[in-house]
C-alpha atoms as a PDB file:
ATOM      1  CA  MET A   1     -19.799  18.940  21.323  1.00  0.00           C
ATOM      2  CA  ALA A   2     -17.940  15.625  21.084  1.00  0.00           C
ATOM      3  CA  GLU A   3     -14.245  15.705  20.237  1.00  0.00           C
ATOM      4  CA  ILE A   4     -13.680  14.776  16.571  1.00  0.00           C
ATOM      5  CA  THR A   5     -10.560  12.637  16.758  1.00  0.00           C
ATOM      6  CA  ALA A   6      -8.425  11.259  13.961  1.00  0.00           C
ATOM      7  CA  LYS A   7      -9.551   7.759  14.975  1.00  0.00           C
ATOM      8  CA  LEU A   8     -13.216   8.712  14.537  1.00  0.00           C
ATOM      9  CA  ILE A   9     -12.485  10.213  11.131  1.00  0.00           C
ATOM     10  CA  GLN A  10     -10.602   7.084  10.062  1.00  0.00           C
ATOM     11  CA  GLN A  11     -13.445   4.823  11.252  1.00  0.00           C
ATOM     12  CA  LEU A  12     -15.985   6.800   9.247  1.00  0.00           C
ATOM     13  CA  ARG A  13     -13.690   6.869   6.242  1.00  0.00           C
ATOM     14  CA  GLU A  14     -13.305   3.073   6.334  1.00  0.00           C
ATOM     15  CA  LYS A  15     -17.056   2.677   6.716  1.00  0.00           C
ATOM     16  CA  THR A  16     -18.055   5.010   3.893  1.00  0.00           C
ATOM     17  CA  ALA A  17     -14.968   5.515   1.667  1.00  0.00           C
ATOM     18  CA  ALA A  18     -15.616   9.260   1.853  1.00  0.00           C
ATOM     19  CA  GLY A  19     -12.746  11.758   1.910  1.00  0.00           C
ATOM     20  CA  MET A  20     -11.122  12.951   5.125  1.00  0.00           C
ATOM     21  CA  MET A  21     -12.612  16.428   5.026  1.00  0.00           C
ATOM     22  CA  ASP A  22     -16.076  15.081   4.220  1.00  0.00           C
ATOM     23  CA  CYS A  23     -15.804  12.659   7.148  1.00  0.00           C
ATOM     24  CA  LYS A  24     -14.655  15.390   9.509  1.00  0.00           C
ATOM     25  CA  LYS A  25     -17.507  17.679   8.463  1.00  0.00           C
ATOM     26  CA  ALA A  26     -20.055  14.868   8.800  1.00  0.00           C
ATOM     27  CA  LEU A  27     -18.850  14.023  12.310  1.00  0.00           C
ATOM     28  CA  THR A  28     -18.864  17.677  13.303  1.00  0.00           C
ATOM     29  CA  GLU A  29     -22.419  18.086  12.042  1.00  0.00           C
ATOM     30  CA  ASN A  30     -23.527  14.998  13.984  1.00  0.00           C
ATOM     31  CA  ASN A  31     -21.690  15.448  17.282  1.00  0.00           C
ATOM     32  CA  GLY A  32     -19.272  12.565  16.642  1.00  0.00           C
ATOM     33  CA  ASP A  33     -21.978   9.941  16.028  1.00  0.00           C
ATOM     34  CA  ILE A  34     -20.556   7.642  13.313  1.00  0.00           C
ATOM     35  CA  GLU A  35     -23.879   6.140  12.228  1.00  0.00           C
ATOM     36  CA  ALA A  36     -25.563   9.538  12.031  1.00  0.00           C
ATOM     37  CA  ALA A  37     -22.549  10.909  10.167  1.00  0.00           C
ATOM     38  CA  ALA A  38     -22.733   8.047   7.656  1.00  0.00           C
ATOM     39  CA  ASP A  39     -26.427   8.816   7.103  1.00  0.00           C
ATOM     40  CA  TRP A  40     -25.580  12.506   6.677  1.00  0.00           C
ATOM     41  CA  LEU A  41     -23.021  11.649   4.003  1.00  0.00           C
ATOM     42  CA  ARG A  42     -25.605   9.571   2.144  1.00  0.00           C
ATOM     43  CA  GLN A  43     -28.189  12.345   2.410  1.00  0.00           C
ATOM     44  CA  LYS A  44     -25.716  14.804   0.933  1.00  0.00           C
ATOM     45  CA  GLY A  45     -24.972  12.412  -1.936  1.00  0.00           C
ATOM     46  CA  ILE A  46     -21.374  12.044  -0.810  1.00  0.00           C
ATOM     47  CA  VAL A  47     -21.765   8.325  -0.185  1.00  0.00           C
ATOM     48  CA  LYS A  48     -23.888   6.110  -2.377  1.00  0.00           C
ATOM     49  CA  ALA A  49     -24.546   2.375  -2.343  1.00  0.00           C
ATOM     50  CA  ALA A  50     -24.622   2.646   1.435  1.00  0.00           C
ATOM     51  CA  SER A  51     -26.035  -0.819   1.979  1.00  0.00           C
ATOM     52  CA  LYS A  52     -22.685  -2.263   0.849  1.00  0.00           C
ATOM     53  CA  ALA A  53     -20.473   0.077   2.865  1.00  0.00           C
ATOM     54  CA  GLY A  54     -20.202  -2.086   5.983  1.00  0.00           C
ATOM     55  CA  ARG A  55     -18.861  -5.123   4.177  1.00  0.00           C
ATOM     56  CA  VAL A  56     -15.159  -5.895   4.386  1.00  0.00           C
ATOM     57  CA  ALA A  57     -13.380  -5.352   1.056  1.00  0.00           C
ATOM     58  CA  ALA A  58     -10.055  -7.191   1.132  1.00  0.00           C
ATOM     59  CA  SER A  59      -9.836  -8.525  -2.425  1.00  0.00           C
ATOM     60  CA  GLY A  60      -9.607  -6.532  -5.650  1.00  0.00           C
ATOM     61  CA  LEU A  61      -6.582  -5.386  -7.644  1.00  0.00           C
ATOM     62  CA  VAL A  62      -3.342  -3.456  -7.308  1.00  0.00           C
ATOM     63  CA  THR A  63      -2.234  -1.525 -10.383  1.00  0.00           C
ATOM     64  CA  VAL A  64       0.753   0.591 -11.352  1.00  0.00           C
ATOM     65  CA  VAL A  65       0.772   3.491 -13.808  1.00  0.00           C
ATOM     66  CA  LYS A  66       3.494   5.893 -14.891  1.00  0.00           C
ATOM     67  CA  CYS A  67       4.007   8.977 -17.009  1.00  0.00           C
ATOM     68  CA  ASP A  68       7.211  10.908 -17.625  1.00  0.00           C
ATOM     69  CA  ASN A  69       9.003  11.139 -14.255  1.00  0.00           C
ATOM     70  CA  MET A  70       6.257   9.907 -11.923  1.00  0.00           C
ATOM     71  CA  GLY A  71       4.632   6.583 -11.108  1.00  0.00           C
ATOM     72  CA  CYS A  72       1.655   5.657  -8.919  1.00  0.00           C
ATOM     73  CA  VAL A  73       0.737   2.409  -7.199  1.00  0.00           C
ATOM     74  CA  VAL A  74      -3.000   2.128  -6.524  1.00  0.00           C
ATOM     75  CA  GLU A  75      -5.016  -0.425  -4.545  1.00  0.00           C
ATOM     76  CA  LEU A  76      -8.754  -0.714  -5.132  1.00  0.00           C
ATOM     77  CA  ASN A  77     -10.520  -3.311  -3.018  1.00  0.00           C
ATOM     78  CA  ALA A  78     -13.672  -5.365  -3.455  1.00  0.00           C
ATOM     79  CA  GLU A  79     -15.203  -8.159  -1.377  1.00  0.00           C
ATOM     80  CA  THR A  80     -14.357 -11.244  -3.455  1.00  0.00           C
ATOM     81  CA  ASP A  81     -11.737 -12.536  -5.873  1.00  0.00           C
ATOM     82  CA  PHE A  82     -14.406 -12.913  -8.567  1.00  0.00           C
ATOM     83  CA  VAL A  83     -14.783  -9.163  -8.941  1.00  0.00           C
ATOM     84  CA  ALA A  84     -11.129  -8.822  -9.947  1.00  0.00           C
ATOM     85  CA  LYS A  85     -12.023 -10.760 -13.112  1.00  0.00           C
ATOM     86  CA  ASN A  86     -14.937  -8.453 -13.934  1.00  0.00           C
ATOM     87  CA  ASP A  87     -14.381  -6.170 -16.930  1.00  0.00           C
ATOM     88  CA  LYS A  88     -16.306  -3.324 -15.303  1.00  0.00           C
ATOM     89  CA  PHE A  89     -14.199  -3.501 -12.152  1.00  0.00           C
ATOM     90  CA  GLN A  90     -10.979  -3.644 -14.165  1.00  0.00           C
ATOM     91  CA  LYS A  91     -12.071  -0.573 -16.120  1.00  0.00           C
ATOM     92  CA  LEU A  92     -12.817   1.210 -12.836  1.00  0.00           C
ATOM     93  CA  VAL A  93      -9.331   0.355 -11.554  1.00  0.00           C
ATOM     94  CA  ALA A  94      -7.765   1.680 -14.761  1.00  0.00           C
ATOM     95  CA  ASP A  95      -9.822   4.877 -14.616  1.00  0.00           C
ATOM     96  CA  VAL A  96      -8.992   5.475 -10.941  1.00  0.00           C
ATOM     97  CA  ALA A  97      -5.280   4.895 -11.559  1.00  0.00           C
ATOM     98  CA  ALA A  98      -5.301   7.308 -14.488  1.00  0.00           C
ATOM     99  CA  ARG A  99      -6.952   9.954 -12.350  1.00  0.00           C
ATOM    100  CA  ALA A 100      -4.464   9.304  -9.513  1.00  0.00           C
ATOM    101  CA  LEU A 101      -1.607   9.917 -11.935  1.00  0.00           C
ATOM    102  CA  GLU A 102      -3.271  13.068 -13.225  1.00  0.00           C
ATOM    103  CA  LEU A 103      -3.679  14.335  -9.648  1.00  0.00           C
ATOM    104  CA  LYS A 104      -0.067  13.476  -8.763  1.00  0.00           C
ATOM    105  CA  GLY A 105      -0.933  10.757  -6.262  1.00  0.00           C
ATOM    106  CA  ASP A 106      -3.138  12.929  -4.023  1.00  0.00           C
ATOM    107  CA  PHE A 107      -5.435  10.420  -2.309  1.00  0.00           C
ATOM    108  CA  ASP A 108      -8.204  12.765  -1.182  1.00  0.00           C
ATOM    109  CA  ALA A 109      -8.345  14.589  -4.512  1.00  0.00           C
ATOM    110  CA  THR A 110      -8.476  11.283  -6.384  1.00  0.00           C
ATOM    111  CA  LEU A 111     -11.179   9.841  -4.137  1.00  0.00           C
ATOM    112  CA  SER A 112     -13.252  12.975  -4.536  1.00  0.00           C
ATOM    113  CA  ALA A 113     -12.891  12.744  -8.316  1.00  0.00           C
ATOM    114  CA  VAL A 114     -13.851   9.053  -8.612  1.00  0.00           C
ATOM    115  CA  LYS A 115     -16.293   8.451  -5.734  1.00  0.00           C
ATOM    116  CA  ASP A 116     -19.334   8.583  -8.034  1.00  0.00           C
ATOM    117  CA  ASP A 117     -17.721   6.115 -10.437  1.00  0.00           C
ATOM    118  CA  ILE A 118     -16.993   3.759  -7.532  1.00  0.00           C
ATOM    119  CA  ALA A 119     -20.556   4.078  -6.251  1.00  0.00           C
ATOM    120  CA  ALA A 120     -21.979   3.375  -9.725  1.00  0.00           C
ATOM    121  CA  THR A 121     -19.825   0.247 -10.067  1.00  0.00           C
ATOM    122  CA  ILE A 122     -20.876  -0.921  -6.601  1.00  0.00           C
ATOM    123  CA  SER A 123     -24.508  -0.596  -7.668  1.00  0.00           C
ATOM    124  CA  THR A 124     -23.847  -2.514 -10.886  1.00  0.00           C
ATOM    125  CA  ILE A 125     -21.751  -5.363  -9.486  1.00  0.00           C
ATOM    126  CA  GLY A 126     -23.327  -5.578  -6.033  1.00  0.00           C
ATOM    127  CA  GLU A 127     -20.190  -5.648  -3.879  1.00  0.00           C
ATOM    128  CA  ASN A 128     -18.624  -3.067  -1.638  1.00  0.00           C
ATOM    129  CA  MET A 129     -15.540  -1.406  -3.128  1.00  0.00           C
ATOM    130  CA  ASN A 130     -12.985   0.889  -1.599  1.00  0.00           C
ATOM    131  CA  LEU A 131     -10.124   3.000  -2.890  1.00  0.00           C
ATOM    132  CA  ARG A 132      -7.729   2.005  -0.152  1.00  0.00           C
ATOM    133  CA  ARG A 133      -4.425   3.739  -0.872  1.00  0.00           C
ATOM    134  CA  ILE A 134      -2.206   5.464  -3.413  1.00  0.00           C
ATOM    135  CA  ALA A 135       1.586   5.850  -3.398  1.00  0.00           C
ATOM    136  CA  LYS A 136       3.738   7.811  -5.806  1.00  0.00           C
ATOM    137  CA  VAL A 137       7.420   7.923  -6.739  1.00  0.00           C
ATOM    138  CA  SER A 138       9.342  10.481  -8.768  1.00  0.00           C
ATOM    139  CA  GLY A 139      12.713  10.388 -10.509  1.00  0.00           C
ATOM    140  CA  ASP A 140      14.560  10.484 -13.809  1.00  0.00           C
ATOM    141  CA  HIS A 141      13.393   6.972 -14.699  1.00  0.00           C
ATOM    142  CA  ILE A 142      10.359   5.001 -13.478  1.00  0.00           C
ATOM    143  CA  TYR A 143      10.155   1.211 -13.639  1.00  0.00           C
ATOM    144  CA  THR A 144       7.212  -0.967 -12.667  1.00  0.00           C
ATOM    145  CA  TYR A 145       6.341  -4.582 -11.985  1.00  0.00           C
ATOM    146  CA  VAL A 146       3.064  -6.357 -11.281  1.00  0.00           C
ATOM    147  CA  HIS A 147       3.080  -9.838  -9.772  1.00  0.00           C
ATOM    148  CA  ASN A 148       0.320 -12.393 -10.397  1.00  0.00           C
ATOM    149  CA  ALA A 149      -1.186 -10.134 -13.052  1.00  0.00           C
ATOM    150  CA  MET A 150      -4.881 -10.714 -13.687  1.00  0.00           C
ATOM    151  CA  VAL A 151      -4.620  -8.532 -16.789  1.00  0.00           C
ATOM    152  CA  PRO A 152      -1.647  -6.452 -17.958  1.00  0.00           C
ATOM    153  CA  GLY A 153      -0.703  -3.950 -15.260  1.00  0.00           C
ATOM    154  CA  MET A 154      -3.113  -5.244 -12.598  1.00  0.00           C
ATOM    155  CA  GLY A 155      -2.480  -7.987 -10.057  1.00  0.00           C
ATOM    156  CA  GLN A 156      -1.776  -8.857  -6.429  1.00  0.00           C
ATOM    157  CA  ILE A 157       1.511  -6.982  -5.950  1.00  0.00           C
ATOM    158  CA  GLY A 158       2.378  -3.704  -7.644  1.00  0.00           C
ATOM    159  CA  VAL A 159       5.794  -2.017  -7.572  1.00  0.00           C
ATOM    160  CA  ALA A 160       7.133   1.296  -8.825  1.00  0.00           C
ATOM    161  CA  VAL A 161      10.784   2.270  -8.430  1.00  0.00           C
ATOM    162  CA  ALA A 162      12.474   5.542  -9.388  1.00  0.00           C
ATOM    163  CA  ILE A 163      16.128   5.746 -10.416  1.00  0.00           C
ATOM    164  CA  ASP A 164      18.085   8.940 -11.042  1.00  0.00           C
ATOM    165  CA  GLY A 165      21.021   9.199 -13.423  1.00  0.00           C
ATOM    166  CA  ASN A 166      21.875   8.749 -17.083  1.00  0.00           C
ATOM    167  CA  GLY A 167      23.900   5.536 -17.065  1.00  0.00           C
ATOM    168  CA  ALA A 168      23.676   3.239 -20.058  1.00  0.00           C
ATOM    169  CA  GLY A 169      22.654   0.274 -17.923  1.00  0.00           C
ATOM    170  CA  ILE A 170      19.744   1.867 -16.041  1.00  0.00           C
ATOM    171  CA  ASP A 171      17.026   0.704 -18.430  1.00  0.00           C
ATOM    172  CA  GLU A 172      18.256  -2.866 -18.128  1.00  0.00           C
ATOM    173  CA  ILE A 173      18.557  -2.937 -14.347  1.00  0.00           C
ATOM    174  CA  GLY A 174      15.424  -0.896 -13.520  1.00  0.00           C
ATOM    175  CA  PRO A 175      12.804  -3.597 -14.201  1.00  0.00           C
ATOM    176  CA  LYS A 176      14.937  -6.129 -12.320  1.00  0.00           C
ATOM    177  CA  ILE A 177      15.057  -3.867  -9.257  1.00  0.00           C
ATOM    178  CA  ALA A 178      11.246  -3.611  -9.391  1.00  0.00           C
ATOM    179  CA  MET A 179      11.035  -7.422  -9.412  1.00  0.00           C
ATOM    180  CA  HIS A 180      13.526  -7.578  -6.538  1.00  0.00           C
ATOM    181  CA  ILE A 181      11.309  -5.281  -4.469  1.00  0.00           C
ATOM    182  CA  ALA A 182       8.270  -7.500  -5.068  1.00  0.00           C
ATOM    183  CA  ALA A 183      10.240 -10.533  -3.899  1.00  0.00           C
ATOM    184  CA  ASN A 184      12.026  -8.993  -0.897  1.00  0.00           C
ATOM    185  CA  LYS A 185       9.563  -6.326   0.295  1.00  0.00           C
ATOM    186  CA  PRO A 186      11.978  -3.795   1.843  1.00  0.00           C
ATOM    187  CA  GLU A 187      10.688  -1.385   4.480  1.00  0.00           C
ATOM    188  CA  PHE A 188      13.178   1.437   3.834  1.00  0.00           C
ATOM    189  CA  MET A 189      15.255   2.713   0.933  1.00  0.00           C
ATOM    190  CA  THR A 190      18.420   3.776   2.801  1.00  0.00           C
ATOM    191  CA  ILE A 191      19.889   3.253   6.251  1.00  0.00           C
ATOM    192  CA  ASP A 192      19.233   6.941   6.961  1.00  0.00           C
ATOM    193  CA  ASP A 193      15.505   6.265   6.491  1.00  0.00           C
ATOM    194  CA  VAL A 194      15.428   3.786   9.376  1.00  0.00           C
ATOM    195  CA  ASP A 195      14.025   5.132  12.634  1.00  0.00           C
ATOM    196  CA  PRO A 196      16.837   5.025  15.243  1.00  0.00           C
ATOM    197  CA  ALA A 197      14.263   3.779  17.757  1.00  0.00           C
ATOM    198  CA  ALA A 198      13.693   0.716  15.551  1.00  0.00           C
ATOM    199  CA  VAL A 199      17.424  -0.009  15.580  1.00  0.00           C
ATOM    200  CA  GLU A 200      17.526   0.285  19.366  1.00  0.00           C
ATOM    201  CA  ARG A 201      14.576  -2.102  19.652  1.00  0.00           C
ATOM    202  CA  GLU A 202      16.382  -4.571  17.429  1.00  0.00           C
ATOM    203  CA  LYS A 203      19.463  -4.378  19.649  1.00  0.00           C
ATOM    204  CA  LYS A 204      17.368  -4.831  22.786  1.00  0.00           C
ATOM    205  CA  VAL A 205      15.534  -7.850  21.434  1.00  0.00           C
ATOM    206  CA  PHE A 206      18.811  -9.455  20.355  1.00  0.00           C
ATOM    207  CA  ILE A 207      20.483  -8.896  23.718  1.00  0.00           C
ATOM    208  CA  GLU A 208      17.442 -10.014  25.709  1.00  0.00           C
ATOM    209  CA  SER A 209      17.220 -13.188  23.623  1.00  0.00           C
ATOM    210  CA  GLY A 210      20.221 -14.445  25.586  1.00  0.00           C
ATOM    211  CA  ALA A 211      22.484 -14.759  22.559  1.00  0.00           C
ATOM    212  CA  THR A 212      25.130 -12.535  24.159  1.00  0.00           C
ATOM    213  CA  ALA A 213      24.909 -13.930  27.693  1.00  0.00           C
ATOM    214  CA  GLY A 214      28.288 -14.466  29.327  1.00  0.00           C
ATOM    215  CA  LYS A 215      30.253 -13.030  26.426  1.00  0.00           C
ATOM    216  CA  PRO A 216      33.001 -10.392  26.874  1.00  0.00           C
ATOM    217  CA  GLU A 217      31.947  -6.812  26.175  1.00  0.00           C
ATOM    218  CA  MET A 218      34.007  -6.558  22.975  1.00  0.00           C
ATOM    219  CA  VAL A 219      32.471  -9.765  21.664  1.00  0.00           C
ATOM    220  CA  VAL A 220      28.976  -8.510  22.529  1.00  0.00           C
ATOM    221  CA  GLU A 221      29.594  -5.280  20.608  1.00  0.00           C
ATOM    222  CA  LYS A 222      30.639  -7.225  17.515  1.00  0.00           C
ATOM    223  CA  MET A 223      27.659  -9.554  17.823  1.00  0.00           C
ATOM    224  CA  VAL A 224      25.244  -6.640  18.134  1.00  0.00           C
ATOM    225  CA  ALA A 225      26.848  -4.862  15.183  1.00  0.00           C
ATOM    226  CA  GLY A 226      26.478  -8.047  13.162  1.00  0.00           C
ATOM    227  CA  ARG A 227      22.815  -8.344  14.084  1.00  0.00           C
ATOM    228  CA  ILE A 228      22.131  -4.746  13.036  1.00  0.00           C
ATOM    229  CA  SER A 229      23.922  -5.336   9.728  1.00  0.00           C
ATOM    230  CA  LYS A 230      21.656  -8.320   9.194  1.00  0.00           C
ATOM    231  CA  TYR A 231      18.630  -6.188  10.071  1.00  0.00           C
ATOM    232  CA  TYR A 232      19.647  -3.624   7.446  1.00  0.00           C
ATOM    233  CA  ALA A 233      20.218  -6.373   4.883  1.00  0.00           C
ATOM    234  CA  GLU A 234      16.698  -7.629   5.505  1.00  0.00           C
ATOM    235  CA  SER A 235      14.798  -4.341   5.638  1.00  0.00           C
ATOM    236  CA  VAL A 236      16.733  -1.668   3.690  1.00  0.00           C
ATOM    237  CA  LEU A 237      16.496  -1.821  -0.105  1.00  0.00           C
ATOM    238  CA  GLU A 238      19.980  -0.428  -0.787  1.00  0.00           C
ATOM    239  CA  GLU A 239      21.547  -2.935   1.615  1.00  0.00           C
ATOM    240  CA  GLN A 240      19.657  -6.024   0.476  1.00  0.00           C
ATOM    241  CA  PRO A 241      21.553  -8.676  -1.494  1.00  0.00           C
ATOM    242  CA  PHE A 242      20.357  -8.351  -5.101  1.00  0.00           C
ATOM    243  CA  VAL A 243      17.986 -11.230  -5.793  1.00  0.00           C
ATOM    244  CA  MET A 244      19.615 -12.020  -9.156  1.00  0.00           C
ATOM    245  CA  ASP A 245      23.169 -11.796  -7.817  1.00  0.00           C
ATOM    246  CA  PRO A 246      23.282 -12.106  -3.993  1.00  0.00           C
ATOM    247  CA  SER A 247      27.016 -11.386  -3.980  1.00  0.00           C
ATOM    248  CA  LYS A 248      26.164  -7.713  -4.614  1.00  0.00           C
ATOM    249  CA  LYS A 249      24.002  -5.218  -2.738  1.00  0.00           C
ATOM    250  CA  VAL A 250      21.170  -3.497  -4.576  1.00  0.00           C
ATOM    251  CA  LYS A 251      22.838  -0.088  -4.245  1.00  0.00           C
ATOM    252  CA  ASP A 252      26.014  -1.427  -5.874  1.00  0.00           C
ATOM    253  CA  VAL A 253      24.133  -3.002  -8.776  1.00  0.00           C
ATOM    254  CA  VAL A 254      22.304   0.290  -9.435  1.00  0.00           C
ATOM    255  CA  ALA A 255      25.562   2.256  -9.168  1.00  0.00           C
ATOM    256  CA  GLU A 256      27.261  -0.080 -11.673  1.00  0.00           C
ATOM    257  CA  ALA A 257      24.421   0.689 -14.091  1.00  0.00           C
ATOM    258  CA  GLY A 258      25.117   4.410 -13.706  1.00  0.00           C
ATOM    259  CA  GLY A 259      22.196   5.300 -11.471  1.00  0.00           C
ATOM    260  CA  LYS A 260      21.054   5.961  -7.928  1.00  0.00           C
ATOM    261  CA  LEU A 261      17.825   4.908  -6.265  1.00  0.00           C
ATOM    262  CA  ALA A 262      15.404   7.831  -5.885  1.00  0.00           C
ATOM    263  CA  GLY A 263      12.389   6.109  -4.350  1.00  0.00           C
ATOM    264  CA  PHE A 264      10.154   3.069  -4.403  1.00  0.00           C
ATOM    265  CA  ALA A 265       6.640   2.016  -3.483  1.00  0.00           C
ATOM    266  CA  TYR A 266       4.804  -1.282  -3.472  1.00  0.00           C
ATOM    267  CA  TYR A 267       1.466  -2.630  -2.310  1.00  0.00           C
ATOM    268  CA  VAL A 268       0.440  -6.190  -1.567  1.00  0.00           C
ATOM    269  CA  LEU A 269      -3.274  -6.678  -2.181  1.00  0.00           C
ATOM    270  CA  GLY A 270      -5.288  -6.765   1.043  1.00  0.00           C
ATOM    271  CA  GLU A 271      -2.210  -6.619   3.278  1.00  0.00           C
ATOM    272  CA  GLY A 272      -3.182  -5.576   6.792  1.00  0.00           C
ATOM    273  CA  ILE A 273      -6.939  -5.878   6.276  1.00  0.00           C
ATOM    274  CA  GLU A 274      -8.664  -8.098   8.787  1.00  0.00           C
ATOM    275  CA  LYS A 275     -11.196 -10.079   6.799  1.00  0.00           C
ATOM    276  CA  GLN A 276     -13.879 -11.947   8.698  1.00  0.00           C
ATOM    277  CA  GLU A 277     -14.101 -15.581   7.670  1.00  0.00           C
ATOM    278  CA  ASP A 278     -17.678 -16.869   7.778  1.00  0.00           C
ATOM    279  CA  ASN A 279     -18.598 -20.515   7.406  1.00  0.00           C
ATOM    280  CA  LEU A 280     -21.534 -21.756   5.356  1.00  0.00           C
ATOM    281  CA  ALA A 281     -23.784 -22.168   8.395  1.00  0.00           C
ATOM    282  CA  ASP A 282     -23.190 -18.549   9.379  1.00  0.00           C
ATOM    283  CA  GLU A 283     -23.989 -17.400   5.845  1.00  0.00           C
ATOM    284  CA  VAL A 284     -27.241 -19.361   5.777  1.00  0.00           C
ATOM    285  CA  ALA A 285     -28.198 -18.064   9.217  1.00  0.00           C
ATOM    286  CA  LYS A 286     -27.622 -14.494   8.025  1.00  0.00           C
ATOM    287  CA  MET A 287     -29.801 -15.075   4.975  1.00  0.00           C
ATOM    288  CA  LEU A 288     -32.619 -16.505   7.093  1.00  0.00           C
ATOM    289  CA  GLY A 289     -32.280 -13.978   9.877  1.00  0.00           C
END
């Protein structure tokens, strides 16, 4: 029996858009053979529209939904930009996001609930589609922002930010913080969230760049501390200069409004997906082949 690794499961999941447990079971039933496992999933009705499954889906829409004290950011991919303008695809995105909110941001549960709807839309439109990822935030107040909106609430960048507290200024500052996140794309919320290993790597890179060469030890320490402060200002939301008033940090602006950041999430459409670029000659050759 072949070892069923996480990498194998992920490869099958990307190929078929099936859930993790379905992929694991399919691989187990087929001794780790990805192609046979994909066929098994189709035979079981778990994966439909299989002829589209191998195509790279890097376009589509990001949407943000919220209810009470929770918000979800959802990315649903398709192959081309044209599909994002399609009413049927937009309805699918809205339906998937609503189900994600209902299921409290659980990716596998959401995918299981909407896989037939995705397959039906694939069959109708004729492009591969993929529920790529879901993120959720929770807090006293939820604020959202969508950049480059195709239709209200759906676009290329989606942000949800949660703020705790009961300050009078929270409702005014919340949407602005969401816009700030879209513009500055922080990696972490607080300094405590930063992996110490990442900080050490940053120090090492700075020192090995030669910037501190020949400097006294005390001077080097100050230079390194300055570089780490800059790193935090670039990557940590609380420490970033507020985009609408760079003289203040984000955490200070939120505190002045009577709140405290509780969480954030954002997706940039297609970020990290390697999309093959084919020229016209290649396309024609494929059609004739």
